[in-house]
Protein backbone atom coordinates (compact mmCIF):
# COMPACT_ATOMS: atom_id res chain seq x y z
CA MET A 1 40.97 51.76 132.18
CA ASP A 2 38.50 53.31 134.60
CA THR A 3 39.51 54.08 138.17
CA LYS A 4 37.04 51.62 139.70
CA SER A 5 38.36 48.66 137.68
CA GLY A 6 42.00 49.49 138.53
CA ASN A 7 41.27 49.71 142.24
CA LYS A 8 39.54 46.33 142.11
CA ARG A 9 42.56 44.66 140.47
CA ARG A 10 44.87 46.35 142.98
CA TRP A 11 42.85 44.98 145.91
CA LEU A 12 42.78 41.48 144.39
CA TRP A 13 46.56 41.64 143.98
CA MET A 14 47.02 42.72 147.59
CA ILE A 15 44.70 39.97 148.87
CA GLY A 16 46.66 37.38 146.85
CA LEU A 17 49.95 38.67 148.22
CA VAL A 18 48.67 38.44 151.79
CA ALA A 19 47.44 34.87 151.14
CA ILE A 20 50.84 33.82 149.77
CA MET A 21 52.65 35.39 152.71
CA ALA A 22 50.28 33.64 155.13
CA ALA A 23 50.87 30.31 153.39
CA ILE A 24 54.58 30.76 154.02
CA ALA A 25 54.46 32.36 157.46
CA VAL A 26 51.98 30.06 159.22
CA PRO A 27 53.93 26.81 158.70
CA LEU A 28 57.15 28.62 159.65
CA TYR A 29 55.52 29.84 162.83
CA LEU A 30 54.22 26.39 163.72
CA LEU A 31 57.46 24.54 162.96
CA TRP A 32 60.07 27.10 163.96
CA PRO A 33 62.06 25.97 167.02
CA ARG A 34 61.01 27.93 170.08
CA THR A 35 62.92 28.43 173.29
CA ALA A 36 61.59 26.31 176.12
CA ALA A 37 60.52 27.80 179.40
CA ALA A 38 63.22 28.52 181.94
CA THR A 39 64.44 25.27 183.51
CA MET A 40 65.95 24.46 186.86
CA ASP A 41 69.70 24.40 187.30
CA PRO A 42 70.70 20.70 187.47
CA TRP A 43 73.74 21.51 189.61
CA GLN A 44 71.42 22.56 192.44
CA ASN A 45 70.55 18.89 192.89
CA VAL A 46 74.06 17.44 192.82
CA PRO A 47 75.15 16.73 196.40
CA THR A 48 78.02 18.54 198.05
CA HIS A 49 80.61 16.12 199.32
CA ALA A 50 81.73 16.46 202.91
CA VAL A 51 85.38 17.15 203.61
CA HIS A 52 87.00 13.80 204.29
CA THR A 53 88.51 13.06 207.68
CA SER A 54 91.59 10.91 207.37
CA HIS A 55 91.43 7.77 209.51
CA ALA A 56 95.14 7.09 209.27
CA ASP A 57 95.73 8.33 212.83
CA ILE A 58 92.35 7.24 214.18
CA ILE A 59 92.44 3.52 213.44
CA LYS A 60 95.10 1.72 215.45
CA GLY A 61 94.47 -2.03 215.38
CA PRO A 62 95.69 -4.69 215.45
CA PHE A 63 92.82 -6.69 213.96
CA GLU A 64 92.73 -10.47 213.89
CA THR A 65 89.41 -10.69 212.03
CA PRO A 66 87.47 -8.39 209.71
CA GLN A 67 84.62 -8.39 212.22
CA GLN A 68 86.95 -6.58 214.62
CA VAL A 69 87.32 -3.82 212.02
CA THR A 70 83.54 -3.42 211.90
CA GLN A 71 83.38 -3.26 215.69
CA ALA A 72 85.99 -0.49 215.64
CA CYS A 73 83.94 1.44 213.07
CA LEU A 74 80.83 1.15 215.22
CA GLU A 75 82.55 2.81 218.16
CA CYS A 76 82.01 6.13 216.36
CA HIS A 77 79.46 5.27 213.67
CA GLU A 78 77.03 3.62 216.04
CA ASP A 79 74.06 3.29 213.66
CA ALA A 80 75.95 2.44 210.49
CA ALA A 81 75.68 -1.36 210.63
CA SER A 82 72.02 -1.28 211.60
CA GLU A 83 71.31 1.01 208.65
CA VAL A 84 73.17 -1.24 206.22
CA MET A 85 71.29 -4.28 207.54
CA HIS A 86 68.01 -2.71 206.41
CA THR A 87 69.16 -2.38 202.79
CA THR A 88 69.17 -4.84 199.90
CA HIS A 89 72.95 -4.63 199.75
CA TRP A 90 72.75 -6.70 202.93
CA THR A 91 69.54 -8.75 202.60
CA TRP A 92 69.77 -9.48 198.86
CA GLU A 93 65.99 -9.71 198.74
CA SER A 94 63.01 -7.38 198.56
CA GLU A 95 60.24 -6.91 201.04
CA ALA A 96 57.48 -9.51 200.67
CA VAL A 97 55.30 -8.68 197.68
CA SER A 98 52.18 -10.25 196.17
CA VAL A 99 52.51 -11.45 192.58
CA PRO A 100 49.65 -12.67 190.36
CA TRP A 101 51.07 -16.14 189.69
CA ARG A 102 51.70 -17.15 193.34
CA ASP A 103 49.18 -17.63 196.13
CA ASP A 104 51.40 -16.30 198.91
CA PRO A 105 53.59 -13.18 199.07
CA VAL A 106 57.18 -13.72 197.92
CA THR A 107 60.52 -11.98 198.23
CA ILE A 108 62.64 -11.34 195.17
CA GLY A 109 66.39 -10.82 195.01
CA LYS A 110 69.80 -12.33 194.44
CA LYS A 111 69.25 -14.46 197.52
CA ASN A 112 66.55 -16.62 195.94
CA THR A 113 66.00 -15.99 192.21
CA ILE A 114 67.40 -17.44 189.01
CA ASN A 115 69.13 -15.42 186.28
CA ASN A 116 70.59 -16.49 182.96
CA PHE A 117 74.21 -15.61 183.73
CA CYS A 118 75.70 -17.67 186.59
CA ILE A 119 72.12 -18.87 187.26
CA GLY A 120 71.82 -18.54 191.05
CA THR A 121 73.58 -17.78 194.32
CA GLN A 122 72.00 -20.43 196.53
CA GLY A 123 74.54 -23.13 197.24
CA ASN A 124 77.18 -21.13 195.35
CA GLU A 125 78.09 -18.81 198.22
CA ARG A 126 81.83 -19.41 197.94
CA THR A 127 82.16 -17.21 194.85
CA CYS A 128 78.90 -15.23 194.73
CA MET A 129 79.34 -13.69 198.17
CA SER A 130 82.50 -11.90 197.13
CA CYS A 131 80.04 -9.16 196.18
CA HIS A 132 77.93 -9.28 199.34
CA ALA A 133 78.38 -6.40 201.79
CA GLY A 134 79.11 -8.84 204.58
CA TYR A 135 81.53 -11.44 205.93
CA GLY A 136 81.20 -15.22 205.93
CA TRP A 137 77.89 -15.96 204.16
CA SER A 138 78.69 -19.63 203.52
CA ASP A 139 75.25 -21.27 203.58
CA ALA A 140 71.58 -20.77 204.42
CA ASP A 141 72.42 -20.45 208.12
CA PHE A 142 74.21 -17.11 207.74
CA ASP A 143 73.33 -14.82 210.65
CA PHE A 144 71.82 -11.69 209.11
CA SER A 145 71.26 -10.21 212.58
CA ASN A 146 74.98 -10.08 213.50
CA SER A 147 76.12 -6.51 212.92
CA SER A 148 79.78 -7.53 213.18
CA ASN A 149 79.40 -9.31 209.84
CA VAL A 150 78.69 -6.04 208.01
CA ASP A 151 81.63 -5.26 205.70
CA CYS A 152 82.36 -1.53 206.01
CA LEU A 153 85.56 -1.84 203.98
CA VAL A 154 84.05 -3.06 200.72
CA CYS A 155 82.37 0.33 200.20
CA HIS A 156 84.78 2.61 202.05
CA ALA A 157 88.34 1.25 201.81
CA ASP A 158 90.81 2.19 199.11
CA LEU A 159 90.66 -0.94 196.95
CA ALA A 160 94.40 -0.76 196.45
CA THR A 161 94.47 -2.08 200.03
CA TYR A 162 91.41 -4.33 200.08
CA GLY A 163 89.76 -7.15 198.19
CA LYS A 164 87.11 -9.78 198.93
CA GLY A 165 87.51 -13.51 198.41
CA ASP A 166 85.64 -16.72 199.27
CA TYR A 167 82.34 -16.27 201.15
CA GLY A 168 82.86 -12.50 201.16
CA LEU A 169 85.85 -12.64 203.49
CA PRO A 170 88.94 -10.48 202.81
CA THR A 171 91.63 -12.16 200.75
CA GLU A 172 94.64 -13.46 202.68
CA ALA A 173 96.84 -10.66 201.34
CA VAL A 174 94.76 -7.90 202.96
CA ASP A 175 96.36 -5.93 205.78
CA LEU A 176 93.24 -5.09 207.82
CA VAL A 177 94.84 -2.13 209.61
CA GLU A 178 96.05 -0.56 206.37
CA ALA A 179 92.64 -1.09 204.74
CA ALA A 180 90.79 0.39 207.72
CA GLN A 181 93.06 3.44 207.81
CA SER A 182 92.35 4.09 204.11
CA VAL A 183 88.57 4.49 204.44
CA ARG A 184 86.77 7.39 202.80
CA ALA A 185 83.52 8.12 201.00
CA PRO A 186 82.74 5.52 198.31
CA THR A 187 84.22 6.10 194.86
CA ARG A 188 83.53 4.56 191.46
CA ASP A 189 86.22 2.01 192.37
CA ASN A 190 84.15 0.69 195.25
CA CYS A 191 80.85 0.53 193.39
CA GLY A 192 82.42 -0.72 190.18
CA ALA A 193 84.23 -3.63 191.82
CA CYS A 194 80.88 -5.42 191.94
CA HIS A 195 78.62 -3.57 189.53
CA PHE A 196 81.07 -3.30 186.62
CA ASP A 197 81.95 -7.00 186.93
CA GLY A 198 78.48 -8.39 187.70
CA GLY A 199 77.58 -11.72 186.15
CA GLY A 200 81.10 -13.09 186.26
CA GLY A 201 83.36 -10.53 184.60
CA ASN A 202 83.86 -7.11 183.07
CA ASN A 203 80.65 -5.92 181.37
CA VAL A 204 79.13 -9.39 181.34
CA LYS A 205 75.77 -8.32 182.69
CA HIS A 206 74.71 -4.73 182.09
CA GLY A 207 76.26 -3.48 178.86
CA ASP A 208 76.31 0.12 180.12
CA LEU A 209 78.45 -0.53 183.23
CA ASP A 210 82.02 -1.69 182.78
CA GLU A 211 85.58 -1.00 183.84
CA SER A 212 85.99 1.74 181.22
CA LEU A 213 83.94 3.91 183.60
CA TYR A 214 86.70 3.95 186.21
CA PHE A 215 88.41 6.70 184.19
CA PRO A 216 85.96 7.63 181.41
CA SER A 217 86.21 10.37 178.83
CA GLY A 218 83.42 12.87 178.36
CA GLU A 219 82.50 11.13 175.12
CA LEU A 220 82.04 7.82 176.95
CA ASP A 221 79.83 9.21 179.71
CA VAL A 222 79.09 12.89 180.10
CA HIS A 223 78.39 12.62 183.82
CA MET A 224 81.25 10.43 185.01
CA GLY A 225 83.66 11.65 182.34
CA ALA A 226 83.18 15.34 181.61
CA ASN A 227 81.87 16.11 185.11
CA ASN A 228 83.69 13.41 187.12
CA PHE A 229 80.52 12.28 188.86
CA LEU A 230 80.69 9.67 191.58
CA CYS A 231 78.02 6.99 191.55
CA THR A 232 76.54 8.57 194.68
CA ASP A 233 75.97 11.87 192.90
CA CYS A 234 72.98 10.25 191.16
CA HIS A 235 72.45 7.28 193.46
CA GLN A 236 72.11 9.53 196.46
CA THR A 237 72.23 7.92 199.85
CA GLU A 238 70.42 8.45 203.13
CA ALA A 239 71.13 6.26 206.18
CA HIS A 240 73.07 3.91 203.90
CA ALA A 241 69.99 3.33 201.74
CA ILE A 242 71.18 3.96 198.18
CA LYS A 243 68.64 5.35 195.74
CA GLY A 244 68.09 3.13 192.72
CA LYS A 245 66.65 -0.37 192.44
CA LEU A 246 67.89 -3.16 190.19
CA LEU A 247 65.03 -4.15 187.90
CA ALA A 248 65.90 -7.87 187.93
CA ASP A 249 65.71 -8.06 191.74
CA ASN A 250 62.26 -6.51 192.12
CA PHE A 251 58.72 -6.82 190.78
CA THR A 252 57.38 -3.35 191.49
CA ILE A 253 59.52 -0.34 192.32
CA ASP A 254 58.42 2.79 194.14
CA PRO A 255 59.38 5.66 191.79
CA ALA A 256 60.57 7.64 194.82
CA LYS A 257 63.25 5.00 195.36
CA GLN A 258 64.44 5.00 191.75
CA VAL A 259 66.93 7.34 190.11
CA ALA A 260 65.50 9.53 187.33
CA CYS A 261 67.04 12.10 184.99
CA THR A 262 64.44 14.56 186.25
CA ASP A 263 65.97 14.37 189.73
CA CYS A 264 68.29 17.05 188.36
CA HIS A 265 67.03 18.03 184.91
CA ALA A 266 63.72 19.62 183.97
CA ALA A 267 61.66 17.52 181.58
CA ASP A 268 61.15 20.42 179.16
CA LEU A 269 64.76 21.59 179.04
CA HIS A 270 65.20 21.33 175.26
CA ALA A 271 65.36 24.55 173.27
CA ASP A 272 63.19 22.95 170.58
CA ASP A 273 59.58 22.32 171.61
CA ARG A 274 59.35 19.51 169.07
CA ILE A 275 61.86 17.56 171.16
CA ASN A 276 60.07 18.43 174.40
CA GLU A 277 56.92 16.88 172.95
CA HIS A 278 58.73 13.52 172.92
CA VAL A 279 59.33 13.31 176.68
CA ASP A 280 55.85 12.01 177.53
CA THR A 281 56.48 8.98 175.31
CA VAL A 282 60.24 8.54 174.99
CA ALA A 283 62.58 8.04 177.96
CA CYS A 284 65.59 10.37 178.16
CA GLN A 285 67.90 7.34 177.87
CA THR A 286 66.41 6.34 174.52
CA CYS A 287 67.91 9.38 172.80
CA HIS A 288 70.87 10.07 175.07
CA VAL A 289 72.25 6.50 175.34
CA PRO A 290 72.14 5.45 171.69
CA SER A 291 74.63 2.59 172.17
CA MET A 292 76.19 0.53 174.95
CA ALA A 293 79.44 -1.39 175.36
CA LEU A 294 81.26 1.49 173.73
CA LYS A 295 84.77 0.40 174.77
CA ASN A 296 84.48 -3.05 176.32
CA PRO A 297 82.28 -5.71 174.70
CA THR A 298 79.30 -7.07 176.61
CA LYS A 299 78.02 -10.63 176.74
CA THR A 300 74.79 -11.05 174.78
CA VAL A 301 74.54 -14.85 174.47
CA TRP A 302 75.47 -17.60 176.94
CA ASP A 303 75.02 -21.27 176.03
CA TRP A 304 75.45 -23.48 179.09
CA SER A 305 74.74 -26.67 177.13
CA THR A 306 78.30 -26.88 175.78
CA ALA A 307 80.00 -26.48 179.19
CA GLY A 308 82.22 -29.30 180.37
CA GLN A 309 83.67 -30.12 176.98
CA ASP A 310 87.38 -30.12 176.24
CA LEU A 311 87.33 -27.43 173.58
CA PRO A 312 89.83 -24.63 172.89
CA GLU A 313 89.22 -21.92 175.47
CA ASP A 314 88.95 -18.18 174.97
CA HIS A 315 87.47 -15.66 177.38
CA TYR A 316 85.16 -14.22 174.72
CA SER A 317 83.95 -17.42 173.07
CA TYR A 318 84.28 -20.55 175.23
CA LEU A 319 85.21 -21.61 178.75
CA LYS A 320 84.90 -25.20 179.88
CA ILE A 321 83.24 -24.19 183.15
CA LYS A 322 80.62 -21.98 181.47
CA GLY A 323 80.08 -22.95 177.82
CA ASN A 324 79.89 -20.83 174.68
CA PHE A 325 79.45 -17.05 174.62
CA VAL A 326 78.82 -14.22 172.21
CA TYR A 327 80.24 -10.79 173.11
CA GLU A 328 79.33 -7.64 171.18
CA LYS A 329 80.61 -4.09 171.14
CA ASP A 330 78.87 -0.78 170.34
CA VAL A 331 75.48 -2.47 170.72
CA THR A 332 72.21 -0.80 169.73
CA PRO A 333 69.66 -1.36 172.51
CA SER A 334 66.30 -3.03 172.08
CA TYR A 335 63.32 -0.74 172.66
CA GLU A 336 60.20 -1.61 174.63
CA TRP A 337 57.45 0.12 176.57
CA PHE A 338 58.36 0.42 180.25
CA ASN A 339 56.42 1.82 183.21
CA GLY A 340 59.15 1.19 185.78
CA ASN A 341 57.96 -2.24 186.92
CA LEU A 342 58.10 -5.83 185.73
CA ALA A 343 55.29 -7.73 184.04
CA TYR A 344 56.71 -10.96 185.52
CA ARG A 345 59.75 -12.24 187.38
CA TYR A 346 60.67 -15.90 187.10
CA LEU A 347 60.84 -17.49 190.55
CA LEU A 348 62.44 -20.75 191.58
CA GLY A 349 59.98 -23.53 190.74
CA ASP A 350 57.89 -21.63 188.16
CA THR A 351 57.05 -23.91 185.23
CA ILE A 352 58.11 -23.12 181.69
CA VAL A 353 57.28 -24.19 178.14
CA PRO A 354 60.67 -25.58 177.07
CA THR A 355 60.00 -25.13 173.35
CA GLU A 356 59.41 -21.40 173.85
CA THR A 357 61.69 -18.63 175.09
CA THR A 358 61.13 -17.91 178.78
CA LEU A 359 61.27 -14.20 179.58
CA LEU A 360 62.74 -14.09 183.07
CA ASN A 361 61.99 -10.40 183.75
CA PRO A 362 59.97 -8.74 180.98
CA PRO A 363 59.32 -5.02 181.55
CA ALA A 364 55.76 -3.89 182.21
CA GLY A 365 54.16 -1.28 180.01
CA SER A 366 52.30 -0.80 176.75
CA ILE A 367 51.38 1.87 174.25
CA GLU A 368 48.00 2.17 175.99
CA GLU A 369 49.58 3.18 179.32
CA PRO A 370 50.09 6.97 179.51
CA ALA A 371 52.87 6.55 182.10
CA ALA A 372 54.84 4.03 180.04
CA LYS A 373 57.69 5.22 177.84
CA ILE A 374 59.84 3.74 175.10
CA PHE A 375 62.97 2.62 176.94
CA PRO A 376 66.30 1.06 175.87
CA PHE A 377 67.25 -2.42 177.09
CA LYS A 378 70.06 -4.88 176.75
CA ILE A 379 68.63 -8.35 176.18
CA HIS A 380 70.80 -11.25 177.30
CA ARG A 381 69.92 -14.59 175.73
CA ALA A 382 70.88 -17.90 177.26
CA ASN A 383 70.47 -21.64 176.91
CA GLN A 384 70.25 -22.92 180.47
CA PRO A 385 69.31 -26.16 182.23
CA TYR A 386 65.78 -27.24 183.08
CA ASP A 387 64.11 -30.35 184.45
CA VAL A 388 62.44 -32.18 181.54
CA ASN A 389 59.84 -33.83 183.79
CA TYR A 390 58.99 -30.98 186.16
CA ASN A 391 59.39 -28.37 183.42
CA TYR A 392 61.11 -25.76 185.55
CA LEU A 393 64.54 -24.20 185.39
CA LEU A 394 67.25 -25.85 187.44
CA GLN A 395 69.84 -24.15 189.55
CA PRO A 396 73.05 -26.18 189.60
CA ILE A 397 75.69 -26.08 192.29
CA THR A 398 78.64 -24.78 190.30
CA SER A 399 81.11 -23.54 192.89
CA GLY A 400 82.89 -25.36 195.69
CA GLU A 401 83.27 -29.02 196.58
CA GLY A 402 81.19 -31.27 194.35
CA GLY A 403 80.13 -28.38 192.13
CA PHE A 404 79.95 -28.52 188.34
CA TRP A 405 83.09 -26.43 187.96
CA THR A 406 84.97 -29.26 189.68
CA THR A 407 83.18 -32.40 188.46
CA PHE A 408 81.74 -31.23 185.11
CA ASP A 409 78.81 -33.54 185.88
CA TRP A 410 75.49 -31.77 185.41
CA LYS A 411 73.42 -34.50 187.04
CA SER A 412 75.39 -34.52 190.28
CA SER A 413 75.28 -30.70 190.41
CA PHE A 414 71.46 -30.79 190.30
CA GLU A 415 71.32 -33.57 192.90
CA LEU A 416 73.54 -31.48 195.15
CA ALA A 417 71.27 -28.47 194.62
CA GLN A 418 68.29 -30.60 195.62
CA GLU A 419 70.00 -31.26 198.95
CA ARG A 420 71.06 -27.65 199.56
CA ILE A 421 68.14 -25.57 198.29
CA GLY A 422 65.29 -28.07 198.24
CA LEU A 423 64.42 -27.93 194.53
CA PRO A 424 63.45 -31.48 193.50
CA PHE A 425 65.34 -32.97 190.56
CA SER A 426 63.67 -35.74 188.54
CA GLY A 427 66.96 -37.10 187.26
CA GLU A 428 66.51 -35.86 183.70
CA TYR A 429 67.57 -32.46 182.38
CA GLY A 430 67.74 -30.50 179.16
CA PHE A 431 68.44 -26.93 178.09
CA ALA A 432 65.94 -24.19 177.30
CA ARG A 433 66.14 -20.66 175.87
CA THR A 434 65.71 -17.71 178.26
CA ASP A 435 65.92 -13.92 177.88
CA MET A 436 66.68 -11.24 180.47
CA HIS A 437 66.14 -7.49 180.16
CA TRP A 438 68.64 -4.97 181.56
CA PRO A 439 67.73 -1.26 181.41
CA VAL A 440 70.35 0.93 179.73
CA THR A 441 70.89 4.11 181.73
CA HIS A 442 74.65 4.80 181.81
CA MET A 443 77.13 5.86 179.11
CA VAL A 444 75.06 9.02 178.59
CA GLN A 445 76.38 10.89 175.58
CA PRO A 446 77.04 14.62 175.26
CA LYS A 447 74.11 16.33 173.56
CA GLU A 448 75.98 16.25 170.26
CA GLY A 449 75.94 12.45 170.42
CA ALA A 450 72.20 12.07 171.05
CA LEU A 451 69.95 10.46 168.47
CA GLN A 452 68.73 12.66 165.63
CA CYS A 453 65.32 12.61 163.95
CA ASP A 454 66.37 10.31 161.10
CA ASP A 455 67.79 7.74 163.51
CA CYS A 456 64.22 6.76 164.34
CA HIS A 457 61.99 8.46 161.77
CA SER A 458 63.33 7.03 158.51
CA ALA A 459 63.05 3.90 156.39
CA GLY A 460 66.18 2.47 157.99
CA GLY A 461 65.50 3.82 161.49
CA ARG A 462 66.16 1.83 164.62
CA MET A 463 62.57 1.74 165.87
CA ASP A 464 60.22 -1.14 165.02
CA TRP A 465 57.10 0.98 165.22
CA GLU A 466 54.66 -1.85 164.60
CA ALA A 467 56.23 -3.96 167.36
CA LEU A 468 55.71 -0.97 169.66
CA GLY A 469 52.01 -0.89 168.76
CA TYR A 470 51.93 1.89 166.16
CA PRO A 471 50.43 1.39 162.69
CA GLY A 472 53.61 2.93 161.30
CA ASP A 473 56.04 5.76 161.92
CA PRO A 474 54.19 8.23 164.19
CA MET A 475 55.79 11.03 162.17
CA GLU A 476 53.33 9.97 159.45
CA TRP A 477 50.56 8.27 161.40
CA GLY A 478 50.49 10.43 164.51
CA GLY A 479 51.51 9.79 168.09
CA ARG A 480 49.74 7.66 170.67
CA PHE A 481 48.04 10.69 172.24
CA ASP A 482 46.64 11.78 168.88
CA ASP A 483 43.13 10.82 167.80
CA GLN A 484 44.06 8.06 165.37
CA PRO A 485 43.78 4.27 165.35
CA THR A 486 46.72 2.21 166.60
CA ALA A 487 47.57 -1.35 165.81
CA SER A 488 47.33 -3.83 168.65
CA ARG A 489 50.67 -4.92 170.04
């Protein structure tokens, strides 16, 4: 063997070795988890709670009416009632907003819209107003300008001493002096009394808000459990205006008025850059709230058409006053594109196609919108009354004298509603399918409980990629920001 030939083979061997090493090293370099950039400390954005001043020796009484309690509060907290009266906890409706399907601006809120739970508050003030932050809302003539009707106690009293009854007035058992002396900053008890039991009972409405969150474990909710957060730690408050807007009671929402995970957490906080690349397309909640109704079941179906029948009753399956139900536990959310607003909100008098499902509040967003993200929702399905001649949903009078819960007569309940809220009734009714969307944002799991890659990117994964507008799993086909064709939604 001559020297020149040996050197040539040696160089070829070295070049081959380098090529093999590069073939191994380059993919490792590209795929190896890398530490994200330094992120902000989330605790810097959690509010510091003021030291509470006991009112036990400040409040004297006696009080003959709850309005007298409010007047006593205003002696020191002069602006409090005025501030509350500028919030939706008081007005139960939004500012006037233009919507594409109406000629004139409209307001949207519990005061005037239909849902597919207890259907509507108008004419049903006796029971619905037990969750209004005021006293005595009994009909359309309620005086929203009377500051004495603001209920300070519902948010500030120890609920061991206070409870609301008909028309939002305190129950007869309440000792007003004792309740007023117990006031302090709001706790989960105060918020949960309405928000955990919205829609007519524990976890009926939301799916991610129920009475298990009064004393949750860290595995149930990492914020309220492991870190003992109050609601106001995230829903921070200024001049009694509480950050966070209920999707169903709005059409568009200013992002500055909505709570976001990034209020405290940096968007790129993950140690693995592959996960950080998801945050432009996938909402934090999608991975970190993989299930809802973890301890208490949530209502997913409500069939009003069977109400009024003398059938065996059970809280989770049938009540004569409300019809048939389906409750589910440990529910996997539905996933849809969401840009923070609604595509539509059903308003009283809007016409429907009775043979099709009416979406009362579908989220706005699509795969084509860069700002939209895949977001988890609870979908509540109902069969609720509509006028077969006018083809719009009907709001019955259910509560109080002459209401359906007393007479079990649908026709008379619609005739009574016609008198009270002005919605004409043709005399003929049927039942139509409706869906409502409820964003899932609570019951945040510890990081160990977050979704893993295979939960979405596998043959049996939870994502319906084609329904979301992808041609297939983006792990194989590429993401929406990649240069590749996408199927139309």
